[in-house]
PDB file of N, CA and C in Angstrom:
ATOM      1  N   MET A   1      -2.470  23.351  28.524  1.00  0.00           N
ATOM      2  CA  MET A   1      -2.531  22.433  29.639  1.00  0.00           C
ATOM      3  C   MET A   1      -2.043  21.050  29.208  1.00  0.00           C
ATOM      4  N   ARG A   2      -2.566  20.538  28.075  1.00  0.00           N
ATOM      5  CA  ARG A   2      -2.161  19.216  27.598  1.00  0.00           C
ATOM      6  C   ARG A   2      -0.674  19.186  27.255  1.00  0.00           C
ATOM      7  N   ARG A   3      -0.200  20.243  26.607  1.00  0.00           N
ATOM      8  CA  ARG A   3       1.213  20.303  26.237  1.00  0.00           C
ATOM      9  C   ARG A   3       2.082  20.284  27.476  1.00  0.00           C
ATOM     10  N   SER A   4       1.674  21.022  28.465  1.00  0.00           N
ATOM     11  CA  SER A   4       2.414  21.064  29.720  1.00  0.00           C
ATOM     12  C   SER A   4       2.462  19.685  30.374  1.00  0.00           C
ATOM     13  N   GLU A   5       1.322  19.001  30.397  1.00  0.00           N
ATOM     14  CA  GLU A   5       1.269  17.657  30.977  1.00  0.00           C
ATOM     15  C   GLU A   5       2.130  16.678  30.177  1.00  0.00           C
ATOM     16  N   ARG A   6       2.085  16.803  28.838  1.00  0.00           N
ATOM     17  CA  ARG A   6       2.912  15.941  27.989  1.00  0.00           C
ATOM     18  C   ARG A   6       4.388  16.156  28.278  1.00  0.00           C
ATOM     19  N   ASN A   7       4.786  17.403  28.331  1.00  0.00           N
ATOM     20  CA  ASN A   7       6.192  17.733  28.557  1.00  0.00           C
ATOM     21  C   ASN A   7       6.679  17.253  29.922  1.00  0.00           C
ATOM     22  N   GLN A   8       5.809  17.203  30.889  1.00  0.00           N
ATOM     23  CA  GLN A   8       6.187  16.745  32.226  1.00  0.00           C
ATOM     24  C   GLN A   8       6.123  15.219  32.343  1.00  0.00           C
ATOM     25  N   GLY A   9       5.615  14.568  31.276  1.00  0.00           N
ATOM     26  CA  GLY A   9       5.514  13.121  31.295  1.00  0.00           C
ATOM     27  C   GLY A   9       4.261  12.611  31.969  1.00  0.00           C
ATOM     28  N   LEU A  10       3.298  13.491  32.245  1.00  0.00           N
ATOM     29  CA  LEU A  10       2.065  13.077  32.903  1.00  0.00           C
ATOM     30  C   LEU A  10       1.033  12.553  31.909  1.00  0.00           C
ATOM     31  N   ARG A  11       1.201  12.898  30.651  1.00  0.00           N
ATOM     32  CA  ARG A  11       0.251  12.500  29.611  1.00  0.00           C
ATOM     33  C   ARG A  11       1.019  11.688  28.566  1.00  0.00           C
ATOM     34  N   ALA A  12       0.410  10.628  28.085  1.00  0.00           N
ATOM     35  CA  ALA A  12       1.094   9.726  27.162  1.00  0.00           C
ATOM     36  C   ALA A  12       0.895  10.074  25.688  1.00  0.00           C
ATOM     37  N   ASP A  13       0.225  11.164  25.381  1.00  0.00           N
ATOM     38  CA  ASP A  13       0.006  11.548  23.994  1.00  0.00           C
ATOM     39  C   ASP A  13       1.347  11.805  23.309  1.00  0.00           C
ATOM     40  N   PRO A  14       1.446  11.430  22.046  1.00  0.00           N
ATOM     41  CA  PRO A  14       2.702  11.687  21.342  1.00  0.00           C
ATOM     42  C   PRO A  14       2.894  13.186  21.097  1.00  0.00           C
ATOM     43  N   THR A  15       4.113  13.622  21.196  1.00  0.00           N
ATOM     44  CA  THR A  15       4.430  15.027  20.937  1.00  0.00           C
ATOM     45  C   THR A  15       4.728  15.202  19.460  1.00  0.00           C
ATOM     46  N   LYS A  16       4.892  16.442  19.028  1.00  0.00           N
ATOM     47  CA  LYS A  16       5.253  16.715  17.639  1.00  0.00           C
ATOM     48  C   LYS A  16       6.599  16.080  17.326  1.00  0.00           C
ATOM     49  N   TRP A  17       7.518  16.161  18.272  1.00  0.00           N
ATOM     50  CA  TRP A  17       8.841  15.575  18.070  1.00  0.00           C
ATOM     51  C   TRP A  17       8.719  14.064  17.882  1.00  0.00           C
ATOM     52  N   ASP A  18       7.863  13.430  18.668  1.00  0.00           N
ATOM     53  CA  ASP A  18       7.651  11.990  18.544  1.00  0.00           C
ATOM     54  C   ASP A  18       7.136  11.647  17.149  1.00  0.00           C
ATOM     55  N   GLY A  19       6.195  12.426  16.671  1.00  0.00           N
ATOM     56  CA  GLY A  19       5.637  12.173  15.337  1.00  0.00           C
ATOM     57  C   GLY A  19       6.686  12.318  14.254  1.00  0.00           C
ATOM     58  N   ASP A  20       7.541  13.341  14.362  1.00  0.00           N
ATOM     59  CA  ASP A  20       8.622  13.538  13.392  1.00  0.00           C
ATOM     60  C   ASP A  20       9.597  12.370  13.447  1.00  0.00           C
ATOM     61  N   TRP A  21       9.927  11.942  14.654  1.00  0.00           N
ATOM     62  CA  TRP A  21      10.873  10.837  14.829  1.00  0.00           C
ATOM     63  C   TRP A  21      10.299   9.536  14.263  1.00  0.00           C
ATOM     64  N   ILE A  22       9.015   9.307  14.462  1.00  0.00           N
ATOM     65  CA  ILE A  22       8.369   8.111  13.924  1.00  0.00           C
ATOM     66  C   ILE A  22       8.418   8.122  12.401  1.00  0.00           C
ATOM     67  N   LYS A  23       8.222   9.283  11.778  1.00  0.00           N
ATOM     68  CA  LYS A  23       8.299   9.384  10.318  1.00  0.00           C
ATOM     69  C   LYS A  23       9.705   9.061   9.818  1.00  0.00           C
ATOM     70  N   VAL A  24      10.718   9.567  10.522  1.00  0.00           N
ATOM     71  CA  VAL A  24      12.108   9.289  10.138  1.00  0.00           C
ATOM     72  C   VAL A  24      12.388   7.793  10.238  1.00  0.00           C
ATOM     73  N   LEU A  25      11.986   7.189  11.348  1.00  0.00           N
ATOM     74  CA  LEU A  25      12.222   5.756  11.537  1.00  0.00           C
ATOM     75  C   LEU A  25      11.469   4.923  10.506  1.00  0.00           C
ATOM     76  N   ALA A  26      10.259   5.314  10.176  1.00  0.00           N
ATOM     77  CA  ALA A  26       9.472   4.583   9.183  1.00  0.00           C
ATOM     78  C   ALA A  26      10.146   4.662   7.814  1.00  0.00           C
ATOM     79  N   ARG A  27      10.660   5.837   7.459  1.00  0.00           N
ATOM     80  CA  ARG A  27      11.347   5.997   6.172  1.00  0.00           C
ATOM     81  C   ARG A  27      12.606   5.137   6.123  1.00  0.00           C
ATOM     82  N   GLU A  28      13.399   5.146   7.207  1.00  0.00           N
ATOM     83  CA  GLU A  28      14.609   4.326   7.260  1.00  0.00           C
ATOM     84  C   GLU A  28      14.261   2.841   7.161  1.00  0.00           C
ATOM     85  N   SER A  29      13.216   2.431   7.832  1.00  0.00           N
ATOM     86  CA  SER A  29      12.789   1.036   7.796  1.00  0.00           C
ATOM     87  C   SER A  29      12.380   0.640   6.380  1.00  0.00           C
ATOM     88  N   ARG A  30      11.640   1.504   5.712  1.00  0.00           N
ATOM     89  CA  ARG A  30      11.209   1.232   4.342  1.00  0.00           C
ATOM     90  C   ARG A  30      12.422   1.124   3.412  1.00  0.00           C
ATOM     91  N   GLU A  31      13.399   2.031   3.572  1.00  0.00           N
ATOM     92  CA  GLU A  31      14.604   1.999   2.738  1.00  0.00           C
ATOM     93  C   GLU A  31      15.399   0.719   2.991  1.00  0.00           C
ATOM     94  N   ARG A  32      15.483   0.290   4.233  1.00  0.00           N
ATOM     95  CA  ARG A  32      16.212  -0.949   4.550  1.00  0.00           C
ATOM     96  C   ARG A  32      15.518  -2.171   3.953  1.00  0.00           C
ATOM     97  N   ARG A  33      14.189  -2.191   4.035  1.00  0.00           N
ATOM     98  CA  ARG A  33      13.452  -3.316   3.434  1.00  0.00           C
ATOM     99  C   ARG A  33      13.699  -3.374   1.928  1.00  0.00           C
ATOM    100  N   GLN A  34      13.684  -2.206   1.259  1.00  0.00           N
ATOM    101  CA  GLN A  34      13.925  -2.165  -0.182  1.00  0.00           C
ATOM    102  C   GLN A  34      15.346  -2.620  -0.506  1.00  0.00           C
ATOM    103  N   SER A  35      16.309  -2.182   0.278  1.00  0.00           N
ATOM    104  CA  SER A  35      17.694  -2.590   0.062  1.00  0.00           C
ATOM    105  C   SER A  35      17.855  -4.089   0.252  1.00  0.00           C
ATOM    106  N   ASN A  36      17.253  -4.620   1.299  1.00  0.00           N
ATOM    107  CA  ASN A  36      17.329  -6.063   1.543  1.00  0.00           C
ATOM    108  C   ASN A  36      16.693  -6.855   0.407  1.00  0.00           C
ATOM    109  N   GLU A  37      15.587  -6.359  -0.114  1.00  0.00           N
ATOM    110  CA  GLU A  37      14.930  -7.044  -1.219  1.00  0.00           C
ATOM    111  C   GLU A  37      15.840  -7.069  -2.447  1.00  0.00           C
ATOM    112  N   ILE A  38      16.492  -5.949  -2.738  1.00  0.00           N
ATOM    113  CA  ILE A  38      17.417  -5.874  -3.877  1.00  0.00           C
ATOM    114  C   ILE A  38      18.577  -6.845  -3.672  1.00  0.00           C
ATOM    115  N   LEU A  39      19.132  -6.879  -2.464  1.00  0.00           N
ATOM    116  CA  LEU A  39      20.245  -7.780  -2.184  1.00  0.00           C
ATOM    117  C   LEU A  39      19.833  -9.243  -2.308  1.00  0.00           C
ATOM    118  N   HIS A  40      18.646  -9.586  -1.828  1.00  0.00           N
ATOM    119  CA  HIS A  40      18.172 -10.963  -1.949  1.00  0.00           C
ATOM    120  C   HIS A  40      17.981 -11.360  -3.413  1.00  0.00           C
ATOM    121  N   LYS A  41      17.462 -10.448  -4.225  1.00  0.00           N
ATOM    122  CA  LYS A  41      17.275 -10.750  -5.645  1.00  0.00           C
ATOM    123  C   LYS A  41      18.620 -10.911  -6.342  1.00  0.00           C
ATOM    124  N   ALA A  42      19.580 -10.052  -5.995  1.00  0.00           N
ATOM    125  CA  ALA A  42      20.912 -10.149  -6.590  1.00  0.00           C
ATOM    126  C   ALA A  42      21.575 -11.464  -6.182  1.00  0.00           C
ATOM    127  N   LEU A  43      21.446 -11.823  -4.926  1.00  0.00           N
ATOM    128  CA  LEU A  43      22.025 -13.076  -4.449  1.00  0.00           C
ATOM    129  C   LEU A  43      21.414 -14.270  -5.173  1.00  0.00           C
ATOM    130  N   ALA A  44      20.120 -14.260  -5.356  1.00  0.00           N
ATOM    131  CA  ALA A  44      19.456 -15.352  -6.064  1.00  0.00           C
ATOM    132  C   ALA A  44      19.911 -15.406  -7.522  1.00  0.00           C
ATOM    133  N   TYR A  45      20.029 -14.246  -8.154  1.00  0.00           N
ATOM    134  CA  TYR A  45      20.436 -14.185  -9.556  1.00  0.00           C
ATOM    135  C   TYR A  45      21.864 -14.703  -9.726  1.00  0.00           C
ATOM    136  N   PHE A  46      22.797 -14.177  -8.935  1.00  0.00           N
ATOM    137  CA  PHE A  46      24.193 -14.579  -9.083  1.00  0.00           C
ATOM    138  C   PHE A  46      24.419 -15.998  -8.567  1.00  0.00           C
ATOM    139  N   GLY A  47      23.669 -16.412  -7.588  1.00  0.00           N
ATOM    140  CA  GLY A  47      23.764 -17.789  -7.121  1.00  0.00           C
ATOM    141  C   GLY A  47      23.322 -18.769  -8.189  1.00  0.00           C
ATOM    142  N   GLN A  48      22.269 -18.443  -8.903  1.00  0.00           N
ATOM    143  CA  GLN A  48      21.788 -19.300  -9.983  1.00  0.00           C
ATOM    144  C   GLN A  48      22.798 -19.316 -11.116  1.00  0.00           C
ATOM    145  N   ALA A  49      23.384 -18.175 -11.437  1.00  0.00           N
ATOM    146  CA  ALA A  49      24.388 -18.107 -12.502  1.00  0.00           C
ATOM    147  C   ALA A  49      25.592 -18.972 -12.141  1.00  0.00           C
ATOM    148  N   GLU A  50      25.948 -19.014 -10.882  1.00  0.00           N
ATOM    149  CA  GLU A  50      27.072 -19.832 -10.421  1.00  0.00           C
ATOM    150  C   GLU A  50      26.759 -21.316 -10.603  1.00  0.00           C
ATOM    151  N   LEU A  51      25.525 -21.719 -10.393  1.00  0.00           N
ATOM    152  CA  LEU A  51      25.146 -23.114 -10.561  1.00  0.00           C
ATOM    153  C   LEU A  51      25.119 -23.531 -12.039  1.00  0.00           C
ATOM    154  N   ASP A  52      24.870 -22.581 -12.935  1.00  0.00           N
ATOM    155  CA  ASP A  52      24.794 -22.882 -14.364  1.00  0.00           C
ATOM    156  C   ASP A  52      26.164 -23.038 -15.007  1.00  0.00           C
ATOM    157  N   ARG A  53      27.232 -22.533 -14.368  1.00  0.00           N
ATOM    158  CA  ARG A  53      28.570 -22.620 -14.945  1.00  0.00           C
ATOM    159  C   ARG A  53      29.114 -24.040 -14.801  1.00  0.00           C
ATOM    160  N   PRO A  54      29.880 -24.475 -15.788  1.00  0.00           N
ATOM    161  CA  PRO A  54      30.510 -25.808 -15.671  1.00  0.00           C
ATOM    162  C   PRO A  54      31.575 -25.792 -14.567  1.00  0.00           C
ATOM    163  N   PHE A  55      31.752 -26.936 -13.957  1.00  0.00           N
ATOM    164  CA  PHE A  55      32.717 -27.079 -12.867  1.00  0.00           C
ATOM    165  C   PHE A  55      34.132 -26.993 -13.423  1.00  0.00           C
ATOM    166  N   LYS A  56      35.010 -26.178 -12.815  1.00  0.00           N
ATOM    167  CA  LYS A  56      36.397 -26.036 -13.251  1.00  0.00           C
ATOM    168  C   LYS A  56      37.300 -26.867 -12.352  1.00  0.00           C
ATOM    169  N   ARG A  57      38.319 -27.478 -12.948  1.00  0.00           N
ATOM    170  CA  ARG A  57      39.312 -28.229 -12.178  1.00  0.00           C
ATOM    171  C   ARG A  57      40.659 -27.669 -12.392  1.00  0.00           C
TER     172      ARG A  57
END
């Protein structure tokens, strides 16, 4: 009965598909956050190295 109501859109409970999709999105979000953190650290590292070099003319 509940499954039928869910499938018809009468019940707001998450379906199995919704739960799977949420897990996929959460994993992608976590991977993006990790990638962004790595990029920010690399930018800070190479930016600092650029400031330490003598000015060329």
